[in-house]
Amino acid sequence: MSNSPLVVVGALEDSHARTIHDRLRERGHEPFVLNAQLYPEELNVALGEDIEDVVIGGRALGRPAAVYVRSLYQSPAGFGVEAEEAMRDNWRRTLMAFRERSTVLSAVLLRWQHLGVPIYNPPRASVNITKPFQIASLAAAGLPVPKTLWSNDPDAVRRFCAENEAIYKPVAGGAATRKVEPRDLEDDRLAKLRAAPVCFQELLPGDDVRVYVIDSRVVCALRIETEAIDFRQNETKIEAIELPESVARSCIRAAEVIGLRYTGMDIKADREGNYKILELNPSAMFVGFEYRAGVDIGGALCDAMIAHL
């Protein structure tokens, strides 16, 4: 068995980082926690020119056995980051400080990636999770995806919505999905696209399913019953299901295309019952799904990490 540590990247105040930490301990392993929220004020990090020269909190980590990345807290606008006061005081200085800290913390993961450390998930996948590129990558690989338009062009939006019953949502997420109504295509509404582009997508009326894939294996698929277009607004029931073999293969292939060792991906059925892939999440939440459906996703992730010892 390796003497290299298992590493959890994230604050233990986060329920997902805490769950992975605690379940690793339950399995007899003491993980090292890289709490990026503490850096640089309360956590010392030293990197030398040797790629394995990584010292965090006084501990030489070298080449870990496996790493779970919940968050590096790289942006003052990120979930779990408390930077409002600092931004009010001096937004430019705060942004520059976040850039510096992010550069060092990213370098830690990039070094481990270069050394071949199994990372859930590796930095190289960060580009692939950009949704307009992610969907295009999946489509190029021959995987089923919905018709989609990302645009700030009112004419392009009108053409797309004339050809498809559609929904709209933010390009990068963070707000609810809504159905496109006739009033949304009026001039005053479409003029708001000058502030930011929006994602428009064909409406898929079938089942919502969240699929968890770890190391090229489907560990759990959950059907989410809801009356809303966006299941996050109103889940009435969540239950574990068995995916058809062809759908499971597509989900595994999608994770491989995007380069994710671990993902919770959202798929949804069209009117004919054919599933299409909406998105792959690189740090998918699982605690609430476990509780509602009576499944153990975090345990499967811990077992995958331990297998690398």
C-alpha atoms as a PDB file:
ATOM      1  CA  MET A   1       0.000   0.000   0.000  1.00  0.00           C
ATOM      2  CA  SER A   2       1.253   3.490  -0.883  1.00  0.00           C
ATOM      3  CA  ASN A   3       2.379   5.947   1.790  1.00  0.00           C
ATOM      4  CA  SER A   4       1.200   8.790  -0.427  1.00  0.00           C
ATOM      5  CA  PRO A   5      -1.724  10.746   1.008  1.00  0.00           C
ATOM      6  CA  LEU A   6      -5.294  10.982  -0.159  1.00  0.00           C
ATOM      7  CA  VAL A   7      -6.128  14.678  -0.544  1.00  0.00           C
ATOM      8  CA  VAL A   8      -9.441  16.513  -0.225  1.00  0.00           C
ATOM      9  CA  VAL A   9      -9.397  20.006  -1.748  1.00  0.00           C
ATOM     10  CA  GLY A  10     -12.096  22.177  -0.217  1.00  0.00           C
ATOM     11  CA  ALA A  11     -13.380  23.541   3.072  1.00  0.00           C
ATOM     12  CA  LEU A  12     -14.832  21.032   5.521  1.00  0.00           C
ATOM     13  CA  GLU A  13     -17.681  23.472   6.111  1.00  0.00           C
ATOM     14  CA  ASP A  14     -18.845  22.320   2.680  1.00  0.00           C
ATOM     15  CA  SER A  15     -21.037  19.238   3.138  1.00  0.00           C
ATOM     16  CA  HIS A  16     -19.553  17.420   0.140  1.00  0.00           C
ATOM     17  CA  ALA A  17     -15.917  17.905   1.131  1.00  0.00           C
ATOM     18  CA  ARG A  18     -16.879  16.916   4.684  1.00  0.00           C
ATOM     19  CA  THR A  19     -18.654  13.780   3.476  1.00  0.00           C
ATOM     20  CA  ILE A  20     -15.670  12.583   1.435  1.00  0.00           C
ATOM     21  CA  HIS A  21     -13.316  13.391   4.323  1.00  0.00           C
ATOM     22  CA  ASP A  22     -15.447  11.546   6.868  1.00  0.00           C
ATOM     23  CA  ARG A  23     -16.101   8.479   4.710  1.00  0.00           C
ATOM     24  CA  LEU A  24     -12.403   8.126   3.945  1.00  0.00           C
ATOM     25  CA  ARG A  25     -11.762   8.150   7.696  1.00  0.00           C
ATOM     26  CA  GLU A  26     -14.512   5.572   8.218  1.00  0.00           C
ATOM     27  CA  ARG A  27     -12.596   3.376   5.780  1.00  0.00           C
ATOM     28  CA  GLY A  28      -9.417   3.700   7.830  1.00  0.00           C
ATOM     29  CA  HIS A  29      -7.668   6.481   5.910  1.00  0.00           C
ATOM     30  CA  GLU A  30      -6.726   9.945   7.190  1.00  0.00           C
ATOM     31  CA  PRO A  31      -7.000  12.372   4.257  1.00  0.00           C
ATOM     32  CA  PHE A  32      -5.024  15.580   3.986  1.00  0.00           C
ATOM     33  CA  VAL A  33      -7.311  18.598   3.608  1.00  0.00           C
ATOM     34  CA  LEU A  34      -6.198  21.462   1.390  1.00  0.00           C
ATOM     35  CA  ASN A  35      -8.605  24.127   2.599  1.00  0.00           C
ATOM     36  CA  ALA A  36      -8.246  26.702  -0.148  1.00  0.00           C
ATOM     37  CA  GLN A  37     -10.441  29.150   1.768  1.00  0.00           C
ATOM     38  CA  LEU A  38      -7.639  29.553   4.316  1.00  0.00           C
ATOM     39  CA  TYR A  39      -5.005  30.467   1.716  1.00  0.00           C
ATOM     40  CA  PRO A  40      -3.067  32.744   1.953  1.00  0.00           C
ATOM     41  CA  GLU A  41      -4.182  34.332   5.233  1.00  0.00           C
ATOM     42  CA  GLU A  42      -4.120  31.194   7.400  1.00  0.00           C
ATOM     43  CA  LEU A  43      -2.439  28.531   5.274  1.00  0.00           C
ATOM     44  CA  ASN A  44       1.174  28.438   4.112  1.00  0.00           C
ATOM     45  CA  VAL A  45       1.972  27.000   0.683  1.00  0.00           C
ATOM     46  CA  ALA A  46       5.510  26.661  -0.687  1.00  0.00           C
ATOM     47  CA  LEU A  47       6.353  25.438  -4.197  1.00  0.00           C
ATOM     48  CA  GLY A  48       9.915  24.874  -5.360  1.00  0.00           C
ATOM     49  CA  GLU A  49      11.257  24.412  -8.872  1.00  0.00           C
ATOM     50  CA  ASP A  50      11.149  20.616  -8.543  1.00  0.00           C
ATOM     51  CA  ILE A  51       7.718  19.451  -9.667  1.00  0.00           C
ATOM     52  CA  GLU A  52       7.239  17.318  -6.537  1.00  0.00           C
ATOM     53  CA  ASP A  53       8.315  20.141  -4.210  1.00  0.00           C
ATOM     54  CA  VAL A  54       4.863  20.933  -2.838  1.00  0.00           C
ATOM     55  CA  VAL A  55       4.642  21.841   0.854  1.00  0.00           C
ATOM     56  CA  ILE A  56       1.247  22.774   2.274  1.00  0.00           C
ATOM     57  CA  GLY A  57       0.701  23.626   5.913  1.00  0.00           C
ATOM     58  CA  GLY A  58       4.222  22.431   6.660  1.00  0.00           C
ATOM     59  CA  ARG A  59       3.656  18.995   5.110  1.00  0.00           C
ATOM     60  CA  ALA A  60       5.558  17.813   2.037  1.00  0.00           C
ATOM     61  CA  LEU A  61       2.872  16.226  -0.142  1.00  0.00           C
ATOM     62  CA  GLY A  62       4.975  15.286  -3.155  1.00  0.00           C
ATOM     63  CA  ARG A  63       2.886  12.927  -5.247  1.00  0.00           C
ATOM     64  CA  PRO A  64      -0.507  12.128  -3.622  1.00  0.00           C
ATOM     65  CA  ALA A  65      -2.229   8.800  -4.230  1.00  0.00           C
ATOM     66  CA  ALA A  66      -5.492  10.478  -5.310  1.00  0.00           C
ATOM     67  CA  VAL A  67      -7.171  13.868  -5.004  1.00  0.00           C
ATOM     68  CA  TYR A  68     -10.822  14.922  -4.696  1.00  0.00           C
ATOM     69  CA  VAL A  69     -11.377  18.536  -5.742  1.00  0.00           C
ATOM     70  CA  ARG A  70     -14.486  20.177  -4.369  1.00  0.00           C
ATOM     71  CA  SER A  71     -13.358  23.797  -4.867  1.00  0.00           C
ATOM     72  CA  LEU A  72     -10.299  26.036  -5.050  1.00  0.00           C
ATOM     73  CA  TYR A  73     -12.488  29.102  -4.330  1.00  0.00           C
ATOM     74  CA  GLN A  74     -10.768  30.975  -7.148  1.00  0.00           C
ATOM     75  CA  SER A  75     -13.184  33.873  -7.601  1.00  0.00           C
ATOM     76  CA  PRO A  76     -14.542  36.485  -5.169  1.00  0.00           C
ATOM     77  CA  ALA A  77     -17.952  35.688  -6.681  1.00  0.00           C
ATOM     78  CA  GLY A  78     -17.575  31.938  -6.108  1.00  0.00           C
ATOM     79  CA  PHE A  79     -19.886  29.837  -3.959  1.00  0.00           C
ATOM     80  CA  GLY A  80     -18.627  29.768  -0.375  1.00  0.00           C
ATOM     81  CA  VAL A  81     -16.337  32.797  -0.811  1.00  0.00           C
ATOM     82  CA  GLU A  82     -16.772  35.746   1.557  1.00  0.00           C
ATOM     83  CA  ALA A  83     -15.200  38.697  -0.259  1.00  0.00           C
ATOM     84  CA  GLU A  84     -17.950  41.310  -0.320  1.00  0.00           C
ATOM     85  CA  GLU A  85     -16.276  43.617   2.205  1.00  0.00           C
ATOM     86  CA  ALA A  86     -12.877  43.333   0.511  1.00  0.00           C
ATOM     87  CA  MET A  87     -14.437  44.068  -2.871  1.00  0.00           C
ATOM     88  CA  ARG A  88     -16.161  47.162  -1.498  1.00  0.00           C
ATOM     89  CA  ASP A  89     -12.931  48.334   0.100  1.00  0.00           C
ATOM     90  CA  ASN A  90     -10.775  47.896  -3.028  1.00  0.00           C
ATOM     91  CA  TRP A  91     -12.179  45.746  -5.813  1.00  0.00           C
ATOM     92  CA  ARG A  92      -9.104  46.017  -8.033  1.00  0.00           C
ATOM     93  CA  ARG A  93      -6.687  44.933  -5.319  1.00  0.00           C
ATOM     94  CA  THR A  94      -9.016  42.100  -4.308  1.00  0.00           C
ATOM     95  CA  LEU A  95      -9.266  40.787  -7.872  1.00  0.00           C
ATOM     96  CA  MET A  96      -5.485  40.924  -8.247  1.00  0.00           C
ATOM     97  CA  ALA A  97      -5.023  39.069  -4.952  1.00  0.00           C
ATOM     98  CA  PHE A  98      -7.449  36.356  -6.066  1.00  0.00           C
ATOM     99  CA  ARG A  99      -5.559  36.074  -9.347  1.00  0.00           C
ATOM    100  CA  GLU A 100      -2.296  35.506  -7.480  1.00  0.00           C
ATOM    101  CA  ARG A 101      -3.703  32.941  -5.043  1.00  0.00           C
ATOM    102  CA  SER A 102      -5.550  31.163  -7.842  1.00  0.00           C
ATOM    103  CA  THR A 103      -2.346  30.909  -9.874  1.00  0.00           C
ATOM    104  CA  VAL A 104      -0.498  29.158  -7.048  1.00  0.00           C
ATOM    105  CA  LEU A 105      -3.332  26.797  -6.111  1.00  0.00           C
ATOM    106  CA  SER A 106      -3.947  25.905  -9.757  1.00  0.00           C
ATOM    107  CA  ALA A 107      -0.232  25.170 -10.108  1.00  0.00           C
ATOM    108  CA  VAL A 108      -0.488  22.646  -7.275  1.00  0.00           C
ATOM    109  CA  LEU A 109      -3.166  20.683  -9.141  1.00  0.00           C
ATOM    110  CA  LEU A 110      -1.382  21.074 -12.468  1.00  0.00           C
ATOM    111  CA  ARG A 111       1.791  19.602 -10.955  1.00  0.00           C
ATOM    112  CA  TRP A 112      -0.129  16.639  -9.605  1.00  0.00           C
ATOM    113  CA  GLN A 113      -1.859  16.194 -12.948  1.00  0.00           C
ATOM    114  CA  HIS A 114       1.529  16.233 -14.707  1.00  0.00           C
ATOM    115  CA  LEU A 115       2.776  13.574 -12.287  1.00  0.00           C
ATOM    116  CA  GLY A 116      -0.136  11.325 -13.232  1.00  0.00           C
ATOM    117  CA  VAL A 117      -1.980  11.638  -9.925  1.00  0.00           C
ATOM    118  CA  PRO A 118      -5.642  10.536 -10.260  1.00  0.00           C
ATOM    119  CA  ILE A 119      -7.603  13.750  -9.690  1.00  0.00           C
ATOM    120  CA  TYR A 120     -11.382  13.913  -9.330  1.00  0.00           C
ATOM    121  CA  ASN A 121     -11.359  16.123 -11.418  1.00  0.00           C
ATOM    122  CA  PRO A 122      -8.149  17.201 -13.199  1.00  0.00           C
ATOM    123  CA  PRO A 123      -7.428  20.818 -14.192  1.00  0.00           C
ATOM    124  CA  ARG A 124      -7.228  19.854 -17.873  1.00  0.00           C
ATOM    125  CA  ALA A 125     -10.994  19.264 -17.800  1.00  0.00           C
ATOM    126  CA  SER A 126     -11.695  22.884 -16.814  1.00  0.00           C
ATOM    127  CA  VAL A 127     -11.794  24.077 -20.427  1.00  0.00           C
ATOM    128  CA  ASN A 128     -14.040  21.209 -21.474  1.00  0.00           C
ATOM    129  CA  ILE A 129     -16.697  22.077 -18.902  1.00  0.00           C
ATOM    130  CA  THR A 130     -17.331  25.457 -20.560  1.00  0.00           C
ATOM    131  CA  LYS A 131     -20.842  24.642 -21.706  1.00  0.00           C
ATOM    132  CA  PRO A 132     -20.812  25.961 -25.300  1.00  0.00           C
ATOM    133  CA  PHE A 133     -17.627  23.953 -25.886  1.00  0.00           C
ATOM    134  CA  GLN A 134     -18.803  20.946 -23.869  1.00  0.00           C
ATOM    135  CA  ILE A 135     -21.982  20.430 -25.885  1.00  0.00           C
ATOM    136  CA  ALA A 136     -20.097  20.888 -29.161  1.00  0.00           C
ATOM    137  CA  SER A 137     -17.469  18.347 -28.046  1.00  0.00           C
ATOM    138  CA  LEU A 138     -20.151  15.797 -27.212  1.00  0.00           C
ATOM    139  CA  ALA A 139     -21.895  16.371 -30.543  1.00  0.00           C
ATOM    140  CA  ALA A 140     -18.595  16.002 -32.408  1.00  0.00           C
ATOM    141  CA  ALA A 141     -18.133  12.635 -30.674  1.00  0.00           C
ATOM    142  CA  GLY A 142     -21.507  11.495 -31.995  1.00  0.00           C
ATOM    143  CA  LEU A 143     -23.285  11.689 -28.645  1.00  0.00           C
ATOM    144  CA  PRO A 144     -26.929  12.828 -28.402  1.00  0.00           C
ATOM    145  CA  VAL A 145     -27.329  16.478 -27.368  1.00  0.00           C
ATOM    146  CA  PRO A 146     -30.218  18.939 -27.709  1.00  0.00           C
ATOM    147  CA  LYS A 147     -30.331  21.604 -30.397  1.00  0.00           C
ATOM    148  CA  THR A 148     -28.756  24.629 -28.736  1.00  0.00           C
ATOM    149  CA  LEU A 149     -27.933  28.261 -29.457  1.00  0.00           C
ATOM    150  CA  TRP A 150     -25.747  30.572 -27.366  1.00  0.00           C
ATOM    151  CA  SER A 151     -26.163  34.097 -28.606  1.00  0.00           C
ATOM    152  CA  ASN A 152     -26.699  37.797 -28.023  1.00  0.00           C
ATOM    153  CA  ASP A 153     -28.069  38.222 -31.575  1.00  0.00           C
ATOM    154  CA  PRO A 154     -31.853  38.862 -31.499  1.00  0.00           C
ATOM    155  CA  ASP A 155     -32.286  37.726 -35.114  1.00  0.00           C
ATOM    156  CA  ALA A 156     -30.495  34.425 -34.466  1.00  0.00           C
ATOM    157  CA  VAL A 157     -32.615  33.871 -31.359  1.00  0.00           C
ATOM    158  CA  ARG A 158     -35.855  34.507 -33.247  1.00  0.00           C
ATOM    159  CA  ARG A 159     -34.836  32.083 -35.999  1.00  0.00           C
ATOM    160  CA  PHE A 160     -33.929  29.384 -33.481  1.00  0.00           C
ATOM    161  CA  CYS A 161     -37.173  29.777 -31.541  1.00  0.00           C
ATOM    162  CA  ALA A 162     -39.213  29.751 -34.758  1.00  0.00           C
ATOM    163  CA  GLU A 163     -37.804  26.309 -35.525  1.00  0.00           C
ATOM    164  CA  ASN A 164     -37.867  24.853 -31.999  1.00  0.00           C
ATOM    165  CA  GLU A 165     -40.082  24.920 -28.943  1.00  0.00           C
ATOM    166  CA  ALA A 166     -37.394  26.267 -26.644  1.00  0.00           C
ATOM    167  CA  ILE A 167     -36.204  27.055 -23.157  1.00  0.00           C
ATOM    168  CA  TYR A 168     -33.611  29.599 -22.063  1.00  0.00           C
ATOM    169  CA  LYS A 169     -31.047  29.701 -19.272  1.00  0.00           C
ATOM    170  CA  PRO A 170     -27.740  31.395 -18.382  1.00  0.00           C
ATOM    171  CA  VAL A 171     -24.699  30.358 -20.398  1.00  0.00           C
ATOM    172  CA  ALA A 172     -22.709  29.399 -17.290  1.00  0.00           C
ATOM    173  CA  GLY A 173     -25.593  28.480 -14.979  1.00  0.00           C
ATOM    174  CA  GLY A 174     -26.710  30.070 -11.748  1.00  0.00           C
ATOM    175  CA  ALA A 175     -30.382  30.755 -12.501  1.00  0.00           C
ATOM    176  CA  ALA A 176     -33.502  28.770 -13.295  1.00  0.00           C
ATOM    177  CA  THR A 177     -34.406  27.414 -16.721  1.00  0.00           C
ATOM    178  CA  ARG A 178     -37.541  28.934 -18.250  1.00  0.00           C
ATOM    179  CA  LYS A 179     -39.699  28.238 -21.289  1.00  0.00           C
ATOM    180  CA  VAL A 180     -39.501  30.781 -24.110  1.00  0.00           C
ATOM    181  CA  GLU A 181     -42.832  32.601 -24.355  1.00  0.00           C
ATOM    182  CA  PRO A 182     -43.942  34.951 -27.177  1.00  0.00           C
ATOM    183  CA  ARG A 183     -43.244  38.007 -25.003  1.00  0.00           C
ATOM    184  CA  ASP A 184     -39.625  36.853 -24.620  1.00  0.00           C
ATOM    185  CA  LEU A 185     -39.117  37.442 -28.342  1.00  0.00           C
ATOM    186  CA  GLU A 186     -40.308  41.053 -28.291  1.00  0.00           C
ATOM    187  CA  ASP A 187     -37.803  43.806 -28.987  1.00  0.00           C
ATOM    188  CA  ASP A 188     -37.552  45.110 -25.426  1.00  0.00           C
ATOM    189  CA  ARG A 189     -36.832  41.645 -24.039  1.00  0.00           C
ATOM    190  CA  LEU A 190     -34.281  40.709 -26.688  1.00  0.00           C
ATOM    191  CA  ALA A 191     -32.546  44.060 -26.209  1.00  0.00           C
ATOM    192  CA  LYS A 192     -31.385  42.713 -22.852  1.00  0.00           C
ATOM    193  CA  LEU A 193     -29.079  40.347 -24.759  1.00  0.00           C
ATOM    194  CA  ARG A 194     -26.766  43.340 -25.160  1.00  0.00           C
ATOM    195  CA  ALA A 195     -25.933  42.955 -21.471  1.00  0.00           C
ATOM    196  CA  ALA A 196     -25.054  39.249 -21.695  1.00  0.00           C
ATOM    197  CA  PRO A 197     -25.576  36.279 -24.034  1.00  0.00           C
ATOM    198  CA  VAL A 198     -28.114  33.598 -23.167  1.00  0.00           C
ATOM    199  CA  CYS A 199     -28.402  29.870 -23.886  1.00  0.00           C
ATOM    200  CA  PHE A 200     -31.474  28.794 -25.871  1.00  0.00           C
ATOM    201  CA  GLN A 201     -32.202  25.085 -26.179  1.00  0.00           C
ATOM    202  CA  GLU A 202     -34.876  22.808 -27.581  1.00  0.00           C
ATOM    203  CA  LEU A 203     -37.498  21.889 -25.001  1.00  0.00           C
ATOM    204  CA  LEU A 204     -37.208  18.256 -23.902  1.00  0.00           C
ATOM    205  CA  PRO A 205     -40.451  17.224 -22.163  1.00  0.00           C
ATOM    206  CA  GLY A 206     -39.409  13.758 -20.950  1.00  0.00           C
ATOM    207  CA  ASP A 207     -37.828  12.332 -17.807  1.00  0.00           C
ATOM    208  CA  ASP A 208     -35.046  14.150 -15.953  1.00  0.00           C
ATOM    209  CA  VAL A 209     -32.224  11.797 -14.947  1.00  0.00           C
ATOM    210  CA  ARG A 210     -29.015  12.532 -13.034  1.00  0.00           C
ATOM    211  CA  VAL A 211     -26.273  10.001 -13.832  1.00  0.00           C
ATOM    212  CA  TYR A 212     -23.135   9.623 -11.707  1.00  0.00           C
ATOM    213  CA  VAL A 213     -20.075   8.219 -13.460  1.00  0.00           C
ATOM    214  CA  ILE A 214     -16.827   7.399 -11.642  1.00  0.00           C
ATOM    215  CA  ASP A 215     -13.779   6.054 -13.475  1.00  0.00           C
ATOM    216  CA  SER A 216     -15.757   4.996 -16.555  1.00  0.00           C
ATOM    217  CA  ARG A 217     -18.477   3.255 -14.558  1.00  0.00           C
ATOM    218  CA  VAL A 218     -22.070   4.305 -13.961  1.00  0.00           C
ATOM    219  CA  VAL A 219     -22.455   4.060 -10.195  1.00  0.00           C
ATOM    220  CA  CYS A 220     -25.923   5.536  -9.921  1.00  0.00           C
ATOM    221  CA  ALA A 221     -28.768   6.860 -12.077  1.00  0.00           C
ATOM    222  CA  LEU A 222     -31.613   8.809 -10.505  1.00  0.00           C
ATOM    223  CA  ARG A 223     -34.956   9.702 -12.057  1.00  0.00           C
ATOM    224  CA  ILE A 224     -36.177  13.064 -10.809  1.00  0.00           C
ATOM    225  CA  GLU A 225     -39.919  13.643 -10.918  1.00  0.00           C
ATOM    226  CA  THR A 226     -40.963  17.284 -11.170  1.00  0.00           C
ATOM    227  CA  GLU A 227     -43.689  19.470 -12.598  1.00  0.00           C
ATOM    228  CA  ALA A 228     -41.176  22.223 -13.409  1.00  0.00           C
ATOM    229  CA  ILE A 229     -38.988  22.612 -16.500  1.00  0.00           C
ATOM    230  CA  ASP A 230     -35.958  22.903 -14.214  1.00  0.00           C
ATOM    231  CA  PHE A 231     -36.014  20.020 -11.692  1.00  0.00           C
ATOM    232  CA  ARG A 232     -33.975  22.079  -9.216  1.00  0.00           C
ATOM    233  CA  GLN A 233     -37.053  24.209  -8.646  1.00  0.00           C
ATOM    234  CA  ASN A 234     -39.432  21.456  -7.579  1.00  0.00           C
ATOM    235  CA  GLU A 235     -38.315  17.848  -7.108  1.00  0.00           C
ATOM    236  CA  THR A 236     -41.314  15.806  -6.018  1.00  0.00           C
ATOM    237  CA  LYS A 237     -39.600  12.404  -6.042  1.00  0.00           C
ATOM    238  CA  ILE A 238     -36.100  11.039  -6.671  1.00  0.00           C
ATOM    239  CA  GLU A 239     -35.588   7.325  -7.265  1.00  0.00           C
ATOM    240  CA  ALA A 240     -32.736   5.085  -8.403  1.00  0.00           C
ATOM    241  CA  ILE A 241     -33.230   3.460 -11.806  1.00  0.00           C
ATOM    242  CA  GLU A 242     -31.359   1.145 -14.161  1.00  0.00           C
ATOM    243  CA  LEU A 243     -30.319   2.794 -17.393  1.00  0.00           C
ATOM    244  CA  PRO A 244     -30.653   1.004 -20.721  1.00  0.00           C
ATOM    245  CA  GLU A 245     -27.236  -0.326 -21.683  1.00  0.00           C
ATOM    246  CA  SER A 246     -26.955   1.985 -24.683  1.00  0.00           C
ATOM    247  CA  VAL A 247     -27.682   5.053 -22.543  1.00  0.00           C
ATOM    248  CA  ALA A 248     -25.159   3.966 -19.908  1.00  0.00           C
ATOM    249  CA  ARG A 249     -22.515   3.562 -22.615  1.00  0.00           C
ATOM    250  CA  SER A 250     -23.258   7.059 -23.905  1.00  0.00           C
ATOM    251  CA  CYS A 251     -22.889   8.498 -20.403  1.00  0.00           C
ATOM    252  CA  ILE A 252     -19.543   6.765 -19.889  1.00  0.00           C
ATOM    253  CA  ARG A 253     -18.352   7.948 -23.283  1.00  0.00           C
ATOM    254  CA  ALA A 254     -19.439  11.512 -22.485  1.00  0.00           C
ATOM    255  CA  ALA A 255     -17.362  11.553 -19.288  1.00  0.00           C
ATOM    256  CA  GLU A 256     -14.369  10.264 -21.252  1.00  0.00           C
ATOM    257  CA  VAL A 257     -14.784  12.890 -23.987  1.00  0.00           C
ATOM    258  CA  ILE A 258     -14.887  15.719 -21.441  1.00  0.00           C
ATOM    259  CA  GLY A 259     -12.057  14.185 -19.403  1.00  0.00           C
ATOM    260  CA  LEU A 260     -13.893  13.742 -16.111  1.00  0.00           C
ATOM    261  CA  ARG A 261     -13.042  10.919 -13.720  1.00  0.00           C
ATOM    262  CA  TYR A 262     -16.114  11.866 -11.686  1.00  0.00           C
ATOM    263  CA  THR A 263     -19.260  13.577 -12.852  1.00  0.00           C
ATOM    264  CA  GLY A 264     -22.932  13.964 -12.216  1.00  0.00           C
ATOM    265  CA  MET A 265     -24.444  14.504 -15.644  1.00  0.00           C
ATOM    266  CA  ASP A 266     -27.957  15.596 -16.456  1.00  0.00           C
ATOM    267  CA  ILE A 267     -29.799  13.828 -19.246  1.00  0.00           C
ATOM    268  CA  LYS A 268     -33.373  14.347 -20.356  1.00  0.00           C
ATOM    269  CA  ALA A 269     -35.726  12.503 -22.682  1.00  0.00           C
ATOM    270  CA  ASP A 270     -37.329  13.986 -25.789  1.00  0.00           C
ATOM    271  CA  ARG A 271     -40.909  13.305 -26.883  1.00  0.00           C
ATOM    272  CA  GLU A 272     -39.909   9.912 -28.282  1.00  0.00           C
ATOM    273  CA  GLY A 273     -38.200   8.886 -25.043  1.00  0.00           C
ATOM    274  CA  ASN A 274     -34.669   9.260 -26.397  1.00  0.00           C
ATOM    275  CA  TYR A 275     -32.241  10.688 -23.858  1.00  0.00           C
ATOM    276  CA  LYS A 276     -30.061  13.674 -24.692  1.00  0.00           C
ATOM    277  CA  ILE A 277     -27.141  14.937 -22.634  1.00  0.00           C
ATOM    278  CA  LEU A 278     -27.659  18.399 -21.157  1.00  0.00           C
ATOM    279  CA  GLU A 279     -24.422  18.884 -19.227  1.00  0.00           C
ATOM    280  CA  LEU A 280     -21.658  17.238 -17.213  1.00  0.00           C
ATOM    281  CA  ASN A 281     -20.834  18.747 -13.831  1.00  0.00           C
ATOM    282  CA  PRO A 282     -17.160  18.576 -12.769  1.00  0.00           C
ATOM    283  CA  SER A 283     -17.827  18.816  -9.027  1.00  0.00           C
ATOM    284  CA  ALA A 284     -21.319  17.420  -8.877  1.00  0.00           C
ATOM    285  CA  MET A 285     -23.249  17.696  -5.642  1.00  0.00           C
ATOM    286  CA  PHE A 286     -24.468  14.376  -4.296  1.00  0.00           C
ATOM    287  CA  VAL A 287     -25.363  14.697  -0.606  1.00  0.00           C
ATOM    288  CA  GLY A 288     -28.976  15.740  -1.163  1.00  0.00           C
ATOM    289  CA  PHE A 289     -29.495  13.081  -3.828  1.00  0.00           C
ATOM    290  CA  GLU A 290     -28.127  10.412  -1.485  1.00  0.00           C
ATOM    291  CA  TYR A 291     -30.563  11.430   1.238  1.00  0.00           C
ATOM    292  CA  ARG A 292     -33.592  11.566  -1.054  1.00  0.00           C
ATOM    293  CA  ALA A 293     -32.895   8.357  -2.997  1.00  0.00           C
ATOM    294  CA  GLY A 294     -31.142   6.211  -0.372  1.00  0.00           C
ATOM    295  CA  VAL A 295     -27.991   5.687  -2.440  1.00  0.00           C
ATOM    296  CA  ASP A 296     -24.270   5.960  -1.630  1.00  0.00           C
ATOM    297  CA  ILE A 297     -22.457   8.073  -4.198  1.00  0.00           C
ATOM    298  CA  GLY A 298     -19.825   9.535  -1.886  1.00  0.00           C
ATOM    299  CA  GLY A 299     -18.816   6.074  -0.725  1.00  0.00           C
ATOM    300  CA  ALA A 300     -18.237   4.960  -4.310  1.00  0.00           C
ATOM    301  CA  LEU A 301     -16.055   8.015  -4.868  1.00  0.00           C
ATOM    302  CA  CYS A 302     -14.044   7.254  -1.723  1.00  0.00           C
ATOM    303  CA  ASP A 303     -13.564   3.644  -2.816  1.00  0.00           C
ATOM    304  CA  ALA A 304     -12.303   4.859  -6.200  1.00  0.00           C
ATOM    305  CA  MET A 305      -9.726   7.066  -4.473  1.00  0.00           C
ATOM    306  CA  ILE A 306      -8.609   4.312  -2.102  1.00  0.00           C
ATOM    307  CA  ALA A 307      -8.098   1.944  -5.032  1.00  0.00           C
ATOM    308  CA  HIS A 308      -5.116   4.092  -6.075  1.00  0.00           C
ATOM    309  CA  LEU A 309      -3.218   3.514  -2.824  1.00  0.00           C
END
